[in-house]
Amino acid sequence: MIVWSRGLGKQRLPLILADATLETSAHTLTLKGNIEPVCWDYAIRLGPNDLRDFLAVMARRDTLDFLAERGGVLIPFVVGLLKVAPGLIVKLVAHQVSTAFRARGKS
């Protein structure tokens, strides 16, 4: 990912998301890292709505066309999603069920 701001002029800096550390809290996922060569620390905080919106952008036709035009990107991306989807779905359903039972027990 390339980052830019007006204060940088024409300079663009690489932000390597794969090198970021991931922290979770009750309300956000936080990606943290350092941008070289300027040694700037960064933190990207994503809430549930941000992640939902990002997935919506990823599902757009023009995003898929963009990925399809770059050989070797779309197929590994889709295969990666297919690998994690079953486990993710099971975790989401289990969480919803346990939340429903806890709520029922409190009332």
N, C-alpha and C. Protein backbone atom coordinates (compact mmCIF):
# COMPACT_ATOMS: atom_id res chain seq x y z
N MET A 1 0.86 -1.16 0.00
CA MET A 1 0.00 0.00 0.00
C MET A 1 0.91 1.22 0.00
N ILE A 2 0.52 2.23 -0.74
CA ILE A 2 1.27 3.47 -0.79
C ILE A 2 0.48 4.54 -0.06
N VAL A 3 1.16 5.28 0.83
CA VAL A 3 0.50 6.39 1.53
C VAL A 3 1.10 7.70 1.06
N TRP A 4 0.27 8.72 1.14
CA TRP A 4 0.67 10.04 0.68
C TRP A 4 -0.11 11.08 1.47
N SER A 5 0.50 12.22 1.70
CA SER A 5 -0.21 13.35 2.28
C SER A 5 0.34 14.62 1.67
N ARG A 6 -0.40 15.69 1.76
CA ARG A 6 0.05 16.96 1.18
C ARG A 6 1.38 17.41 1.76
N GLY A 7 1.60 17.12 3.04
CA GLY A 7 2.85 17.51 3.69
C GLY A 7 4.07 16.81 3.12
N LEU A 8 3.86 15.71 2.41
CA LEU A 8 4.98 14.97 1.83
C LEU A 8 5.40 15.49 0.46
N GLY A 9 4.61 16.41 -0.10
CA GLY A 9 4.89 16.85 -1.46
C GLY A 9 4.60 15.72 -2.42
N LYS A 10 5.57 15.41 -3.27
CA LYS A 10 5.37 14.33 -4.25
C LYS A 10 5.84 12.97 -3.74
N GLN A 11 6.38 12.95 -2.53
CA GLN A 11 6.90 11.70 -1.99
C GLN A 11 5.76 10.77 -1.59
N ARG A 12 5.91 9.52 -1.96
CA ARG A 12 4.96 8.47 -1.57
C ARG A 12 5.73 7.43 -0.78
N LEU A 13 5.09 6.93 0.26
CA LEU A 13 5.78 6.01 1.15
C LEU A 13 5.10 4.64 1.16
N PRO A 14 5.91 3.57 1.16
CA PRO A 14 5.32 2.23 1.20
C PRO A 14 4.90 1.86 2.62
N LEU A 15 3.69 1.39 2.74
CA LEU A 15 3.18 0.87 4.01
C LEU A 15 2.93 -0.61 3.76
N ILE A 16 3.70 -1.47 4.40
CA ILE A 16 3.64 -2.90 4.15
C ILE A 16 2.69 -3.53 5.16
N LEU A 17 1.44 -3.76 4.75
CA LEU A 17 0.43 -4.28 5.67
C LEU A 17 0.79 -5.66 6.20
N ALA A 18 1.45 -6.47 5.39
CA ALA A 18 1.82 -7.82 5.84
C ALA A 18 2.78 -7.78 7.02
N ASP A 19 3.52 -6.69 7.18
CA ASP A 19 4.47 -6.56 8.29
C ASP A 19 3.83 -5.96 9.54
N ALA A 20 2.60 -5.52 9.44
CA ALA A 20 1.93 -4.88 10.58
C ALA A 20 1.62 -5.89 11.67
N THR A 21 1.61 -5.41 12.89
CA THR A 21 1.12 -6.24 13.99
C THR A 21 -0.38 -6.01 14.11
N LEU A 22 -1.09 -7.00 14.56
CA LEU A 22 -2.54 -6.91 14.69
C LEU A 22 -2.91 -7.01 16.16
N GLU A 23 -3.67 -6.03 16.63
CA GLU A 23 -4.18 -6.05 18.00
C GLU A 23 -5.70 -6.00 17.92
N THR A 24 -6.33 -6.71 18.84
CA THR A 24 -7.79 -6.69 18.89
C THR A 24 -8.24 -6.11 20.22
N SER A 25 -9.36 -5.43 20.17
CA SER A 25 -10.00 -4.94 21.39
C SER A 25 -11.48 -5.26 21.25
N ALA A 26 -12.26 -4.83 22.21
CA ALA A 26 -13.69 -5.12 22.17
C ALA A 26 -14.36 -4.50 20.95
N HIS A 27 -13.82 -3.38 20.45
CA HIS A 27 -14.51 -2.65 19.39
C HIS A 27 -13.74 -2.47 18.09
N THR A 28 -12.44 -2.78 18.09
CA THR A 28 -11.66 -2.54 16.87
C THR A 28 -10.57 -3.59 16.66
N LEU A 29 -10.16 -3.68 15.41
CA LEU A 29 -8.90 -4.33 15.04
C LEU A 29 -7.93 -3.19 14.77
N THR A 30 -6.71 -3.31 15.26
CA THR A 30 -5.74 -2.25 15.03
C THR A 30 -4.50 -2.84 14.38
N LEU A 31 -4.14 -2.30 13.23
CA LEU A 31 -2.91 -2.66 12.55
C LEU A 31 -1.88 -1.59 12.92
N LYS A 32 -0.71 -2.03 13.39
CA LYS A 32 0.34 -1.09 13.78
C LYS A 32 1.64 -1.46 13.09
N GLY A 33 2.40 -0.44 12.77
CA GLY A 33 3.69 -0.68 12.15
C GLY A 33 4.48 0.61 12.02
N ASN A 34 5.51 0.54 11.20
CA ASN A 34 6.40 1.68 10.99
C ASN A 34 6.64 1.83 9.50
N ILE A 35 6.57 3.06 9.04
CA ILE A 35 6.81 3.36 7.62
C ILE A 35 8.25 3.80 7.46
N GLU A 36 8.99 3.05 6.67
CA GLU A 36 10.37 3.41 6.32
C GLU A 36 10.34 4.19 5.02
N PRO A 37 11.17 5.05 4.70
CA PRO A 37 12.42 5.40 5.39
C PRO A 37 12.25 6.54 6.40
N VAL A 38 11.03 7.01 6.63
CA VAL A 38 10.84 8.16 7.52
C VAL A 38 10.64 7.76 8.98
N CYS A 39 10.55 6.47 9.25
CA CYS A 39 10.37 5.95 10.61
C CYS A 39 9.15 6.52 11.30
N TRP A 40 8.02 6.57 10.58
CA TRP A 40 6.76 7.01 11.16
C TRP A 40 5.99 5.80 11.66
N ASP A 41 5.58 5.86 12.92
CA ASP A 41 4.69 4.83 13.43
C ASP A 41 3.28 5.11 12.94
N TYR A 42 2.55 4.07 12.63
CA TYR A 42 1.16 4.24 12.22
C TYR A 42 0.27 3.26 12.96
N ALA A 43 -1.00 3.61 13.05
CA ALA A 43 -2.02 2.71 13.60
C ALA A 43 -3.27 2.90 12.75
N ILE A 44 -3.79 1.80 12.26
CA ILE A 44 -5.03 1.81 11.49
C ILE A 44 -6.07 1.06 12.31
N ARG A 45 -7.08 1.77 12.76
CA ARG A 45 -8.12 1.15 13.57
C ARG A 45 -9.36 0.91 12.72
N LEU A 46 -9.82 -0.33 12.72
CA LEU A 46 -10.98 -0.72 11.93
C LEU A 46 -12.06 -1.28 12.85
N GLY A 47 -13.25 -0.71 12.75
CA GLY A 47 -14.39 -1.22 13.48
C GLY A 47 -15.20 -2.15 12.60
N PRO A 48 -16.21 -2.80 13.16
CA PRO A 48 -17.03 -3.73 12.39
C PRO A 48 -17.62 -3.11 11.13
N ASN A 49 -18.09 -1.87 11.20
CA ASN A 49 -18.67 -1.23 10.02
C ASN A 49 -17.61 -0.98 8.95
N ASP A 50 -16.39 -0.65 9.37
CA ASP A 50 -15.30 -0.45 8.41
C ASP A 50 -15.01 -1.75 7.67
N LEU A 51 -14.98 -2.86 8.40
CA LEU A 51 -14.70 -4.15 7.78
C LEU A 51 -15.83 -4.55 6.84
N ARG A 52 -17.07 -4.30 7.24
CA ARG A 52 -18.22 -4.59 6.36
C ARG A 52 -18.11 -3.77 5.07
N ASP A 53 -17.80 -2.48 5.22
CA ASP A 53 -17.68 -1.62 4.04
C ASP A 53 -16.53 -2.06 3.14
N PHE A 54 -15.42 -2.49 3.75
CA PHE A 54 -14.29 -2.95 2.95
C PHE A 54 -14.66 -4.21 2.16
N LEU A 55 -15.37 -5.14 2.81
CA LEU A 55 -15.80 -6.34 2.10
C LEU A 55 -16.75 -5.98 0.95
N ALA A 56 -17.60 -4.98 1.15
CA ALA A 56 -18.49 -4.54 0.07
C ALA A 56 -17.68 -3.99 -1.10
N VAL A 57 -16.63 -3.25 -0.82
CA VAL A 57 -15.76 -2.73 -1.89
C VAL A 57 -15.06 -3.89 -2.61
N MET A 58 -14.59 -4.87 -1.84
CA MET A 58 -13.92 -6.02 -2.45
C MET A 58 -14.86 -6.83 -3.34
N ALA A 59 -16.15 -6.80 -3.05
CA ALA A 59 -17.12 -7.59 -3.83
C ALA A 59 -17.63 -6.85 -5.07
N ARG A 60 -17.23 -5.60 -5.24
CA ARG A 60 -17.68 -4.85 -6.42
C ARG A 60 -17.09 -5.44 -7.70
N ARG A 61 -17.86 -5.32 -8.75
CA ARG A 61 -17.42 -5.86 -10.05
C ARG A 61 -16.11 -5.23 -10.51
N ASP A 62 -15.96 -3.91 -10.35
CA ASP A 62 -14.73 -3.26 -10.83
C ASP A 62 -13.51 -3.70 -10.01
N THR A 63 -13.70 -4.03 -8.74
CA THR A 63 -12.59 -4.55 -7.94
C THR A 63 -12.19 -5.93 -8.45
N LEU A 64 -13.19 -6.77 -8.72
CA LEU A 64 -12.89 -8.11 -9.25
C LEU A 64 -12.24 -8.04 -10.62
N ASP A 65 -12.71 -7.11 -11.46
CA ASP A 65 -12.07 -6.92 -12.77
C ASP A 65 -10.61 -6.50 -12.60
N PHE A 66 -10.37 -5.58 -11.67
CA PHE A 66 -9.01 -5.12 -11.38
C PHE A 66 -8.12 -6.30 -10.98
N LEU A 67 -8.62 -7.15 -10.08
CA LEU A 67 -7.85 -8.31 -9.64
C LEU A 67 -7.66 -9.32 -10.77
N ALA A 68 -8.70 -9.53 -11.58
CA ALA A 68 -8.62 -10.49 -12.68
C ALA A 68 -7.61 -10.07 -13.74
N GLU A 69 -7.43 -8.76 -13.92
CA GLU A 69 -6.49 -8.26 -14.93
C GLU A 69 -5.04 -8.40 -14.48
N ARG A 70 -4.82 -8.66 -13.21
CA ARG A 70 -3.47 -8.82 -12.68
C ARG A 70 -3.25 -10.30 -12.40
N GLY A 71 -2.60 -10.96 -13.33
CA GLY A 71 -2.41 -12.40 -13.23
C GLY A 71 -1.86 -12.85 -11.89
N GLY A 72 -2.37 -13.93 -11.41
CA GLY A 72 -1.86 -14.50 -10.18
C GLY A 72 -2.40 -13.87 -8.90
N VAL A 73 -3.38 -12.97 -9.01
CA VAL A 73 -3.91 -12.32 -7.80
C VAL A 73 -5.30 -12.83 -7.46
N LEU A 74 -6.20 -12.87 -8.42
CA LEU A 74 -7.59 -13.21 -8.13
C LEU A 74 -7.76 -14.64 -7.65
N ILE A 75 -7.17 -15.60 -8.34
CA ILE A 75 -7.36 -17.01 -7.96
C ILE A 75 -6.82 -17.28 -6.55
N PRO A 76 -5.59 -16.87 -6.22
CA PRO A 76 -5.13 -17.10 -4.83
C PRO A 76 -6.01 -16.37 -3.81
N PHE A 77 -6.51 -15.20 -4.14
CA PHE A 77 -7.40 -14.46 -3.25
C PHE A 77 -8.68 -15.25 -2.99
N VAL A 78 -9.31 -15.74 -4.06
CA VAL A 78 -10.55 -16.51 -3.93
C VAL A 78 -10.29 -17.83 -3.19
N VAL A 79 -9.20 -18.51 -3.53
CA VAL A 79 -8.88 -19.77 -2.85
C VAL A 79 -8.65 -19.51 -1.36
N GLY A 80 -7.97 -18.43 -1.03
CA GLY A 80 -7.76 -18.08 0.38
C GLY A 80 -9.07 -17.84 1.10
N LEU A 81 -9.99 -17.13 0.45
CA LEU A 81 -11.32 -16.92 1.05
C LEU A 81 -12.04 -18.23 1.26
N LEU A 82 -11.98 -19.11 0.26
CA LEU A 82 -12.66 -20.40 0.38
C LEU A 82 -12.08 -21.26 1.50
N LYS A 83 -10.77 -21.12 1.75
CA LYS A 83 -10.13 -21.89 2.82
C LYS A 83 -10.64 -21.45 4.19
N VAL A 84 -10.77 -20.15 4.40
CA VAL A 84 -11.13 -19.66 5.73
C VAL A 84 -12.63 -19.54 5.95
N ALA A 85 -13.41 -19.51 4.88
CA ALA A 85 -14.85 -19.28 5.01
C ALA A 85 -15.56 -20.32 5.89
N PRO A 86 -15.34 -21.63 5.71
CA PRO A 86 -16.08 -22.58 6.56
C PRO A 86 -15.81 -22.37 8.05
N GLY A 87 -14.56 -22.22 8.43
CA GLY A 87 -14.23 -22.00 9.84
C GLY A 87 -14.81 -20.70 10.36
N LEU A 88 -14.76 -19.66 9.53
CA LEU A 88 -15.31 -18.37 9.92
C LEU A 88 -16.82 -18.46 10.13
N ILE A 89 -17.50 -19.13 9.24
CA ILE A 89 -18.95 -19.29 9.36
C ILE A 89 -19.30 -20.05 10.63
N VAL A 90 -18.57 -21.12 10.93
CA VAL A 90 -18.82 -21.89 12.15
C VAL A 90 -18.61 -21.01 13.38
N LYS A 91 -17.53 -20.22 13.40
CA LYS A 91 -17.28 -19.33 14.54
C LYS A 91 -18.38 -18.29 14.69
N LEU A 92 -18.83 -17.71 13.58
CA LEU A 92 -19.88 -16.70 13.64
C LEU A 92 -21.19 -17.30 14.17
N VAL A 93 -21.55 -18.47 13.67
CA VAL A 93 -22.79 -19.11 14.13
C VAL A 93 -22.67 -19.47 15.62
N ALA A 94 -21.55 -20.03 16.03
CA ALA A 94 -21.35 -20.39 17.43
C ALA A 94 -21.43 -19.16 18.33
N HIS A 95 -20.85 -18.06 17.88
CA HIS A 95 -20.90 -16.82 18.66
C HIS A 95 -22.34 -16.32 18.79
N GLN A 96 -23.08 -16.35 17.69
CA GLN A 96 -24.47 -15.89 17.72
C GLN A 96 -25.31 -16.76 18.64
N VAL A 97 -25.10 -18.06 18.58
CA VAL A 97 -25.86 -18.98 19.43
C VAL A 97 -25.52 -18.75 20.89
N SER A 98 -24.23 -18.65 21.21
CA SER A 98 -23.85 -18.44 22.62
C SER A 98 -24.35 -17.10 23.13
N THR A 99 -24.32 -16.07 22.30
CA THR A 99 -24.84 -14.76 22.69
C THR A 99 -26.34 -14.84 22.95
N ALA A 100 -27.06 -15.55 22.10
CA ALA A 100 -28.51 -15.69 22.27
C ALA A 100 -28.82 -16.44 23.56
N PHE A 101 -28.06 -17.50 23.89
CA PHE A 101 -28.31 -18.26 25.12
C PHE A 101 -27.98 -17.43 26.36
N ARG A 102 -26.91 -16.66 26.29
CA ARG A 102 -26.56 -15.80 27.43
C ARG A 102 -27.64 -14.74 27.65
N ALA A 103 -28.12 -14.14 26.57
CA ALA A 103 -29.18 -13.13 26.68
C ALA A 103 -30.46 -13.75 27.24
N ARG A 104 -30.75 -14.95 26.82
CA ARG A 104 -31.95 -15.65 27.29
C ARG A 104 -31.84 -15.98 28.78
N GLY A 105 -30.63 -16.35 29.21
CA GLY A 105 -30.40 -16.68 30.61
C GLY A 105 -30.50 -15.48 31.53
N LYS A 106 -30.19 -14.28 31.01
CA LYS A 106 -30.26 -13.06 31.82
C LYS A 106 -31.69 -12.56 31.99
N SER A 107 -32.57 -12.94 31.09
CA SER A 107 -33.95 -12.42 31.19
C SER A 107 -34.86 -13.34 31.95
